[in-house]
N, C-alpha and C. Protein backbone atom coordinates (compact mmCIF):
# COMPACT_ATOMS: atom_id res chain seq x y z
N MET A 1 123.71 68.23 132.02
CA MET A 1 122.31 68.35 131.61
C MET A 1 122.26 68.72 130.13
N LEU A 2 121.44 67.96 129.39
CA LEU A 2 121.37 68.02 128.01
C LEU A 2 119.98 68.72 127.67
N ILE A 3 119.97 69.86 127.05
CA ILE A 3 118.69 70.55 126.76
C ILE A 3 118.48 70.62 125.22
N THR A 4 117.43 69.95 124.84
CA THR A 4 117.17 69.91 123.41
C THR A 4 115.72 70.44 123.15
N PRO A 5 115.57 71.49 122.38
CA PRO A 5 114.35 72.06 122.15
C PRO A 5 113.69 71.44 120.98
N ALA A 6 112.49 71.03 120.96
CA ALA A 6 111.75 70.52 119.87
C ALA A 6 110.57 71.45 119.56
N ALA A 7 110.15 71.41 118.29
CA ALA A 7 109.02 72.34 117.91
C ALA A 7 107.98 71.66 117.05
N ARG A 8 106.79 72.29 117.11
CA ARG A 8 105.69 71.90 116.29
C ARG A 8 105.11 70.53 116.60
N GLN A 9 103.90 70.48 117.12
CA GLN A 9 103.28 69.21 117.31
C GLN A 9 101.71 69.42 117.20
N ASN A 10 101.04 68.60 116.43
CA ASN A 10 99.65 68.75 116.19
C ASN A 10 99.25 70.16 115.72
N ASN A 11 100.14 70.60 114.77
CA ASN A 11 100.02 71.92 114.21
C ASN A 11 100.01 73.07 115.28
N ASN A 12 100.64 72.80 116.42
CA ASN A 12 100.78 73.74 117.46
C ASN A 12 102.26 73.91 117.87
N PHE A 13 102.67 75.12 118.08
CA PHE A 13 104.06 75.31 118.49
C PHE A 13 104.22 75.14 120.00
N MET A 14 105.01 74.09 120.34
CA MET A 14 105.16 73.80 121.76
C MET A 14 106.63 73.61 122.05
N LEU A 15 107.17 74.17 123.18
CA LEU A 15 108.51 74.14 123.53
C LEU A 15 108.76 72.90 124.41
N TYR A 16 109.51 71.83 123.91
CA TYR A 16 109.86 70.73 124.67
C TYR A 16 111.31 70.82 125.19
N ILE A 17 111.51 70.78 126.44
CA ILE A 17 112.78 70.78 127.03
C ILE A 17 113.06 69.36 127.73
N TYR A 18 114.03 68.70 127.16
CA TYR A 18 114.32 67.43 127.77
C TYR A 18 115.61 67.48 128.55
N LYS A 19 115.70 66.75 129.72
CA LYS A 19 116.85 66.69 130.49
C LYS A 19 117.30 65.31 130.60
N THR A 20 118.59 65.00 130.58
CA THR A 20 119.08 63.65 130.68
C THR A 20 119.05 63.18 132.09
N VAL A 21 118.53 61.94 132.26
CA VAL A 21 118.53 61.38 133.60
C VAL A 21 119.40 60.08 133.59
N GLN A 22 119.58 59.55 134.73
CA GLN A 22 120.49 58.29 134.78
C GLN A 22 119.91 57.23 133.87
N GLY A 23 120.90 56.63 133.20
CA GLY A 23 120.52 55.58 132.22
C GLY A 23 120.44 56.10 130.89
N GLY A 24 120.67 57.41 130.70
CA GLY A 24 120.68 58.02 129.41
C GLY A 24 119.25 58.24 128.92
N LYS A 25 118.31 58.38 129.75
CA LYS A 25 116.93 58.57 129.28
C LYS A 25 116.66 60.10 129.16
N GLU A 26 115.68 60.40 128.42
CA GLU A 26 115.26 61.72 128.21
C GLU A 26 113.75 61.82 128.65
N GLU A 27 113.49 62.75 129.57
CA GLU A 27 112.04 62.97 129.93
C GLU A 27 111.62 64.39 129.78
N CYS A 28 110.37 64.61 129.42
CA CYS A 28 109.86 65.92 129.31
C CYS A 28 109.96 66.73 130.58
N TRP A 29 110.80 67.77 130.51
CA TRP A 29 111.02 68.57 131.82
C TRP A 29 110.07 69.68 131.80
N VAL A 30 109.98 70.43 130.70
CA VAL A 30 109.09 71.58 130.60
C VAL A 30 108.41 71.51 129.27
N CYS A 31 107.08 71.51 129.32
CA CYS A 31 106.33 71.49 128.03
C CYS A 31 105.35 72.64 128.02
N SER A 32 105.85 73.82 127.65
CA SER A 32 104.94 74.97 127.61
C SER A 32 105.54 76.03 126.71
N LEU A 33 104.70 76.93 126.24
CA LEU A 33 105.17 77.94 125.36
C LEU A 33 104.64 79.26 125.80
């Protein structure tokens, strides 16, 4: 499982956690702060 945190969107700090799925795709797993 690959977890990559991203920050700042629309002048708001939001925590984006992406997990790797089959096919090497990344989908938003948890989007909350």
